[in-house]
Amino acid sequence: FAAAFQITPIQARTPHAAAIGEGFGLHDDSFAYSTLDGDANGGGTVSWFFWPSVVSVSYTDFWKTSVMGGELRPELQASIFSDTYPAGTEYHQDFNLCTEVTHATYSLNYHAFATGYSGNDLTRAKAANHRMGYSFLVTKVDASVGSDSSNVDISVTVNQTGVAPFYYPLHLNLRCTDGTSSVSKTLPNVETIINEGDGKLFAFTNIPATQDCLNQLEISLSSDYTYIDNPVKFAQGTDGTTVSVSVPLPPAPCTLAQIDESCLGGSDCCSDLCSGGKPSNRVCLANGPTAPSPTPPPPSPTPPSPTPPTCAGSRDPCNINGDCCTNTCKKNGRCD
């Protein structure tokens, strides 16, 4: 059995020990009917429901490596997306809540294709379909200086906005046309973006450093496990098959002095900023205003001038002894 299923994922109806030991995925054949208990089912614990049984054996993270799916309970298929569906009551659980808790990738629904939905029911059914499984977005594309002047490096950030991963090897492709020639690059491991909200940066090197190329970058997904006419798509772009972007050429690298290297003035530095001070001590600054020249130490304080005497000197006029520095005023009216 193990030898026969090296590629095809296997699912079990219940999380019994043998299935857990083999890392099987799970299949809930009464989806939204007996999937969740508690408030989602009108209150109360129901241990035999699907998700409570998964919780009881601590197997709730199985969806990260093995597929979760099921079948929408037949009795609910015609009404679950209608205005009158009593979501949150016994055996009538909300479809999207069940998807988000279990991380479902698919759900069988015979009614959707045999009879079909219309109006608001169809709108809700499509939204519920899109909520299941993976959902990848290109959220950022940048060009940076490459290994030489003829090349640039392109970084592409891909984010996961779905509830489940892609379970086979998945590649990110970058393509552009440089004049008459086409350049294509491929990087692996998109499938390693598992949790909703996670992202991964992919760095493509040796892309032609021409605006023709960077004006028409095409980003796509591919897997050896999909049909050619049914490719893996992004959740964006015209049809999701390709995301087209344009980015400017990065600035040419600066050949002037770098931060903390010697300079005489701002024109010597890549940052256009040079510190002040003695020419032999000046260096290029990272940012901010040019540093002022060092402040010289304050001069030594000037000693105060001697206070002129307030008494009369020898032979100066006087009236009493106290007028004279010698404290002696002669009878001729002069200090001794």
Protein backbone atom coordinates (compact mmCIF):
# COMPACT_ATOMS: atom_id res chain seq x y z
CA PHE A 1 0.00 0.00 0.00
CA ALA A 2 2.71 2.46 0.97
CA ALA A 3 4.65 1.70 -2.22
CA ALA A 4 1.57 2.29 -4.36
CA PHE A 5 0.90 5.81 -3.06
CA GLN A 6 4.19 7.69 -3.25
CA ILE A 7 2.65 10.73 -4.97
CA THR A 8 -1.13 10.71 -4.52
CA PRO A 9 -2.26 12.11 -1.13
CA ILE A 10 -4.36 9.76 0.99
CA GLN A 11 -7.20 10.85 3.30
CA ALA A 12 -9.05 9.05 6.06
CA ARG A 13 -12.53 9.71 7.40
CA THR A 14 -11.42 9.68 11.05
CA PRO A 15 -8.08 10.41 12.72
CA HIS A 16 -7.38 6.86 13.89
CA ALA A 17 -3.89 5.87 14.98
CA ALA A 18 -2.90 4.16 11.73
CA ALA A 19 -3.86 7.23 9.67
CA ILE A 20 -1.97 9.55 11.98
CA GLY A 21 1.09 7.30 11.89
CA GLU A 22 1.16 7.47 8.10
CA GLY A 23 0.56 11.24 8.05
CA PHE A 24 -2.74 10.93 6.17
CA GLY A 25 -4.94 13.87 5.39
CA LEU A 26 -8.58 13.87 6.55
CA HIS A 27 -11.97 13.91 4.81
CA ASP A 28 -15.11 15.20 6.53
CA ASP A 29 -18.05 13.70 4.63
CA SER A 30 -20.62 15.76 6.57
CA PHE A 31 -19.00 19.16 6.17
CA ALA A 32 -20.86 22.01 7.92
CA TYR A 33 -23.33 19.49 9.39
CA SER A 34 -21.23 17.75 12.04
CA THR A 35 -17.90 19.50 11.62
CA LEU A 36 -17.81 21.88 14.58
CA ASP A 37 -19.49 21.75 17.98
CA GLY A 38 -19.95 24.50 20.57
CA ASP A 39 -21.32 27.87 19.50
CA ALA A 40 -20.90 26.97 15.82
CA ASN A 41 -23.54 24.25 16.32
CA GLY A 42 -25.88 26.12 18.65
CA GLY A 43 -23.95 25.33 21.84
CA GLY A 44 -22.83 22.22 23.65
CA THR A 45 -20.05 19.69 23.23
CA VAL A 46 -20.43 16.86 20.71
CA SER A 47 -17.34 14.68 20.94
CA TRP A 48 -18.10 12.53 17.87
CA PHE A 49 -18.22 15.52 15.52
CA PHE A 50 -15.35 15.74 13.06
CA TRP A 51 -13.17 18.51 14.48
CA PRO A 52 -13.61 17.61 18.17
CA SER A 53 -12.37 14.12 17.27
CA VAL A 54 -9.30 15.66 15.60
CA VAL A 55 -8.64 17.84 18.63
CA SER A 56 -8.95 14.87 20.98
CA VAL A 57 -5.93 13.16 19.37
CA SER A 58 -3.87 16.37 18.99
CA TYR A 59 -3.82 16.12 15.19
CA THR A 60 -4.96 19.67 14.43
CA ASP A 61 -1.84 20.65 12.46
CA PHE A 62 -2.12 17.80 9.93
CA TRP A 63 -3.31 20.25 7.22
CA LYS A 64 0.16 21.80 7.02
CA THR A 65 1.53 18.68 5.33
CA SER A 66 -1.55 16.63 4.33
CA VAL A 67 -4.75 17.60 2.55
CA MET A 68 -7.96 18.45 4.38
CA GLY A 69 -11.18 18.12 2.40
CA GLY A 70 -14.67 16.68 2.50
CA GLU A 71 -18.20 16.75 1.15
CA LEU A 72 -20.76 19.40 1.96
CA ARG A 73 -23.58 17.50 3.66
CA PRO A 74 -26.22 16.77 0.92
CA GLU A 75 -29.13 18.08 3.00
CA LEU A 76 -27.40 21.47 3.26
CA GLN A 77 -26.17 21.91 -0.30
CA ALA A 78 -29.21 23.71 -1.70
CA SER A 79 -29.66 26.15 1.19
CA ILE A 80 -26.29 26.80 2.85
CA PHE A 81 -25.56 29.93 0.79
CA SER A 82 -29.07 31.41 1.02
CA ASP A 83 -30.28 34.35 3.09
CA THR A 84 -32.47 32.06 5.19
CA TYR A 85 -29.82 29.50 6.14
CA PRO A 86 -29.78 29.35 9.99
CA ALA A 87 -26.01 29.35 10.48
CA GLY A 88 -24.89 28.62 14.03
CA THR A 89 -27.78 26.33 14.91
CA GLU A 90 -27.76 22.56 15.40
CA TYR A 91 -26.47 20.76 12.30
CA HIS A 92 -26.34 24.05 10.39
CA GLN A 93 -22.80 25.35 10.70
CA ASP A 94 -21.33 28.30 8.80
CA PHE A 95 -19.44 27.06 5.72
CA ASN A 96 -16.62 29.64 5.87
CA LEU A 97 -16.09 29.10 9.59
CA CYS A 98 -15.73 25.36 8.99
CA THR A 99 -13.23 26.10 6.21
CA GLU A 100 -11.13 28.39 8.39
CA VAL A 101 -11.05 26.05 11.39
CA THR A 102 -10.27 22.87 9.45
CA HIS A 103 -8.11 24.53 6.72
CA ALA A 104 -10.07 22.77 4.01
CA THR A 105 -8.68 22.70 0.48
CA TYR A 106 -11.83 21.40 -1.26
CA SER A 107 -15.42 20.34 -0.64
CA LEU A 108 -17.57 18.13 -2.86
CA ASN A 109 -20.92 19.75 -3.73
CA TYR A 110 -23.15 17.88 -6.18
CA HIS A 111 -25.90 20.51 -6.09
CA ALA A 112 -23.54 23.27 -7.30
CA PHE A 113 -23.04 21.52 -10.64
CA ALA A 114 -26.20 19.46 -11.06
CA THR A 115 -28.70 22.25 -10.28
CA GLY A 116 -26.56 25.31 -9.60
CA TYR A 117 -26.98 28.55 -7.69
CA SER A 118 -28.11 32.00 -8.82
CA GLY A 119 -28.14 35.57 -7.56
CA ASN A 120 -26.74 36.18 -4.09
CA ASP A 121 -26.52 32.44 -3.45
CA LEU A 122 -24.13 32.09 -6.37
CA THR A 123 -22.07 35.06 -5.19
CA ARG A 124 -21.73 33.53 -1.71
CA ALA A 125 -20.92 30.10 -3.15
CA LYS A 126 -18.10 31.56 -5.27
CA ALA A 127 -16.69 33.45 -2.29
CA ALA A 128 -16.78 30.27 -0.20
CA ASN A 129 -15.01 28.39 -2.98
CA HIS A 130 -12.26 31.01 -3.13
CA ARG A 131 -11.80 30.90 0.63
CA MET A 132 -10.72 27.24 0.54
CA GLY A 133 -7.15 26.12 -0.10
CA TYR A 134 -4.14 28.25 -1.06
CA SER A 135 -4.16 31.86 -2.25
CA PHE A 136 -0.89 33.48 -3.32
CA LEU A 137 -0.24 37.16 -3.96
CA VAL A 138 2.80 38.98 -5.35
CA THR A 139 3.11 41.83 -2.86
CA LYS A 140 6.44 43.44 -3.77
CA VAL A 141 8.90 43.52 -6.67
CA ASP A 142 12.24 45.37 -6.52
CA ALA A 143 15.31 45.71 -8.74
CA SER A 144 18.79 46.10 -7.25
CA VAL A 145 22.33 46.36 -8.66
CA GLY A 146 23.56 43.03 -9.95
CA SER A 147 26.96 41.39 -10.18
CA ASP A 148 28.02 43.77 -12.96
CA SER A 149 26.66 46.77 -14.85
CA SER A 150 24.86 44.62 -17.44
CA ASN A 151 22.72 42.74 -14.89
CA VAL A 152 20.25 43.45 -12.10
CA ASP A 153 18.78 41.31 -9.34
CA ILE A 154 14.99 41.12 -9.04
CA SER A 155 13.43 40.31 -5.67
CA VAL A 156 9.82 39.10 -5.61
CA THR A 157 7.83 38.75 -2.38
CA VAL A 158 4.99 36.21 -2.41
CA ASN A 159 2.41 36.13 0.41
CA GLN A 160 -0.03 33.40 1.39
CA THR A 161 -3.56 34.67 1.96
CA GLY A 162 -5.31 31.29 1.89
CA VAL A 163 -6.10 28.80 4.65
CA ALA A 164 -3.98 25.90 3.33
CA PRO A 165 -0.73 25.35 1.44
CA PHE A 166 -0.13 23.92 -2.02
CA TYR A 167 0.76 20.29 -1.36
CA TYR A 168 3.15 19.61 -4.26
CA PRO A 169 6.43 21.28 -5.26
CA LEU A 170 5.59 24.73 -6.64
CA HIS A 171 7.91 27.07 -8.55
CA LEU A 172 7.99 30.84 -9.07
CA ASN A 173 8.83 31.93 -12.63
CA LEU A 174 10.13 35.27 -13.88
CA ARG A 175 10.22 36.17 -17.57
CA CYS A 176 11.04 39.28 -19.57
CA THR A 177 11.86 40.20 -23.16
CA ASP A 178 15.07 42.10 -23.75
CA GLY A 179 14.78 43.38 -27.28
CA THR A 180 14.39 40.28 -29.43
CA SER A 181 15.49 37.71 -26.83
CA SER A 182 13.50 36.27 -23.95
CA VAL A 183 14.93 35.64 -20.47
CA SER A 184 13.29 33.13 -18.10
CA LYS A 185 14.23 32.18 -14.54
CA THR A 186 12.67 29.71 -12.09
CA LEU A 187 12.99 29.36 -8.32
CA PRO A 188 11.54 26.56 -6.12
CA ASN A 189 9.79 26.31 -2.74
CA VAL A 190 6.64 28.41 -3.07
CA GLU A 191 4.88 25.45 -1.40
CA THR A 192 6.81 26.20 1.80
CA ILE A 193 4.65 29.31 2.37
CA ILE A 194 2.11 27.56 4.58
CA ASN A 195 0.35 29.79 7.10
CA GLU A 196 -2.05 32.52 6.15
CA GLY A 197 -0.20 35.85 6.38
CA ASP A 198 3.25 34.34 5.80
CA GLY A 199 5.48 35.52 2.96
CA LYS A 200 8.72 34.60 1.26
CA LEU A 201 11.24 36.62 -0.76
CA PHE A 202 12.59 35.10 -3.97
CA ALA A 203 15.77 36.60 -5.49
CA PHE A 204 16.32 36.25 -9.23
CA THR A 205 19.87 37.10 -10.36
CA ASN A 206 21.48 38.02 -13.69
CA ILE A 207 18.45 39.71 -15.21
CA PRO A 208 19.34 42.07 -18.11
CA ALA A 209 19.79 45.61 -16.85
CA THR A 210 17.63 47.20 -19.56
CA GLN A 211 14.45 49.16 -19.20
CA ASP A 212 12.90 47.07 -21.99
CA CYS A 213 13.22 44.00 -19.79
CA LEU A 214 12.13 45.66 -16.56
CA ASN A 215 9.12 47.28 -18.21
CA GLN A 216 7.52 43.90 -18.93
CA LEU A 217 8.32 41.48 -16.13
CA GLU A 218 5.96 38.50 -16.06
CA ILE A 219 5.62 36.43 -12.88
CA SER A 220 3.86 33.06 -12.80
CA LEU A 221 3.57 29.79 -10.87
CA SER A 222 4.20 26.28 -12.12
CA SER A 223 4.23 22.71 -10.85
CA ASP A 224 5.14 19.41 -12.47
CA TYR A 225 2.00 17.96 -10.86
CA THR A 226 -0.61 20.06 -12.66
CA TYR A 227 -2.20 19.78 -16.09
CA ILE A 228 -0.82 22.18 -18.70
CA ASP A 229 -4.28 23.62 -19.37
CA ASN A 230 -5.05 24.04 -15.67
CA PRO A 231 -2.10 25.95 -14.16
CA VAL A 232 -1.70 27.15 -10.59
CA LYS A 233 -2.86 30.75 -10.44
CA PHE A 234 -2.28 33.82 -8.33
CA ALA A 235 -5.21 35.51 -6.59
CA GLN A 236 -4.55 38.64 -8.68
CA GLY A 237 -3.91 39.79 -12.24
CA THR A 238 -6.24 39.57 -15.22
CA ASP A 239 -6.83 35.85 -14.83
CA GLY A 240 -4.26 34.91 -12.19
CA THR A 241 -2.06 33.03 -14.64
CA THR A 242 0.49 35.84 -14.92
CA VAL A 243 1.22 38.94 -12.85
CA SER A 244 2.77 41.68 -15.02
CA VAL A 245 4.82 44.44 -13.39
CA SER A 246 7.22 47.22 -14.36
CA VAL A 247 10.10 48.40 -12.19
CA PRO A 248 12.72 51.14 -12.77
CA LEU A 249 16.40 50.46 -13.24
CA PRO A 250 18.26 50.74 -9.91
CA PRO A 251 20.68 53.66 -9.47
CA ALA A 252 24.24 52.99 -10.58
CA PRO A 253 26.57 52.08 -7.69
CA CYS A 254 28.48 55.02 -6.16
CA THR A 255 32.26 55.03 -6.59
CA LEU A 256 32.93 57.85 -4.10
CA ALA A 257 33.96 57.45 -0.46
CA GLN A 258 31.62 55.41 1.74
CA ILE A 259 30.50 56.08 5.32
CA ASP A 260 33.42 56.58 7.74
CA GLU A 261 35.94 56.85 4.90
CA SER A 262 38.17 59.94 4.59
CA CYS A 263 36.90 63.07 2.86
CA LEU A 264 37.64 66.76 2.48
CA GLY A 265 34.12 67.83 1.56
CA GLY A 266 30.66 66.51 0.81
CA SER A 267 31.47 66.05 -2.89
CA ASP A 268 33.90 63.29 -1.90
CA CYS A 269 31.15 61.17 -0.29
CA CYS A 270 28.36 58.95 -1.65
CA SER A 271 26.16 60.44 1.05
CA ASP A 272 27.21 64.00 0.04
CA LEU A 273 27.96 64.59 3.73
CA CYS A 274 31.43 65.10 5.23
CA SER A 275 32.16 65.87 8.86
CA GLY A 276 33.87 69.04 10.00
CA GLY A 277 37.05 69.44 11.99
CA LYS A 278 40.66 69.14 10.88
CA PRO A 279 40.96 67.94 7.25
CA SER A 280 42.98 64.92 8.36
CA ASN A 281 40.16 63.81 10.69
CA ARG A 282 37.16 64.26 8.39
CA VAL A 283 35.01 61.26 7.39
CA CYS A 284 31.84 60.68 5.33
CA LEU A 285 28.61 60.71 7.35
CA ALA A 286 25.59 58.44 6.94
CA ASN A 287 22.94 61.13 7.21
CA GLY A 288 22.02 64.30 9.05
CA PRO A 289 23.65 67.72 8.83
CA THR A 290 27.37 68.14 8.42
CA ALA A 291 29.03 68.15 11.81
CA PRO A 292 30.38 71.55 12.92
CA SER A 293 34.05 72.12 13.55
CA PRO A 294 35.10 71.26 17.09
CA THR A 295 34.44 74.08 19.57
CA PRO A 296 37.76 75.48 20.90
CA PRO A 297 38.23 75.45 24.68
CA PRO A 298 37.27 78.67 26.44
CA PRO A 299 40.18 81.08 27.16
CA SER A 300 41.63 81.27 30.66
CA PRO A 301 39.79 83.81 32.77
CA THR A 302 41.36 87.32 32.91
CA PRO A 303 42.39 88.23 36.45
CA PRO A 304 40.33 91.12 37.78
CA SER A 305 41.88 94.59 37.80
CA PRO A 306 42.97 95.73 41.26
CA THR A 307 40.35 97.81 43.03
CA PRO A 308 41.52 101.42 43.22
CA PRO A 309 42.06 102.66 46.81
CA THR A 310 39.22 104.57 48.42
CA CYS A 311 41.55 106.54 50.75
CA ALA A 312 43.81 109.54 50.00
CA GLY A 313 47.50 108.96 49.39
CA SER A 314 50.49 110.78 50.82
CA ARG A 315 50.24 114.59 50.48
CA ASP A 316 46.70 114.30 49.09
CA PRO A 317 44.20 116.80 50.53
CA CYS A 318 42.34 115.60 53.62
CA ASN A 319 40.02 116.87 56.33
CA ILE A 320 40.25 114.14 58.93
CA ASN A 321 42.57 111.21 59.66
CA GLY A 322 40.06 108.75 58.15
CA ASP A 323 40.47 110.36 54.74
CA CYS A 324 44.07 109.14 54.49
CA CYS A 325 45.43 105.69 53.79
CA THR A 326 47.93 106.35 56.58
CA ASN A 327 45.10 107.47 58.86
CA THR A 328 47.04 110.68 59.56
CA CYS A 329 45.84 114.05 58.29
CA LYS A 330 48.34 116.85 59.08
CA LYS A 331 47.40 120.30 60.24
CA ASN A 332 48.31 121.67 56.81
CA GLY A 333 45.35 119.67 55.35
CA ARG A 334 47.57 117.02 53.66
CA CYS A 335 47.92 113.29 54.31
CA ASP A 336 51.19 112.19 55.93
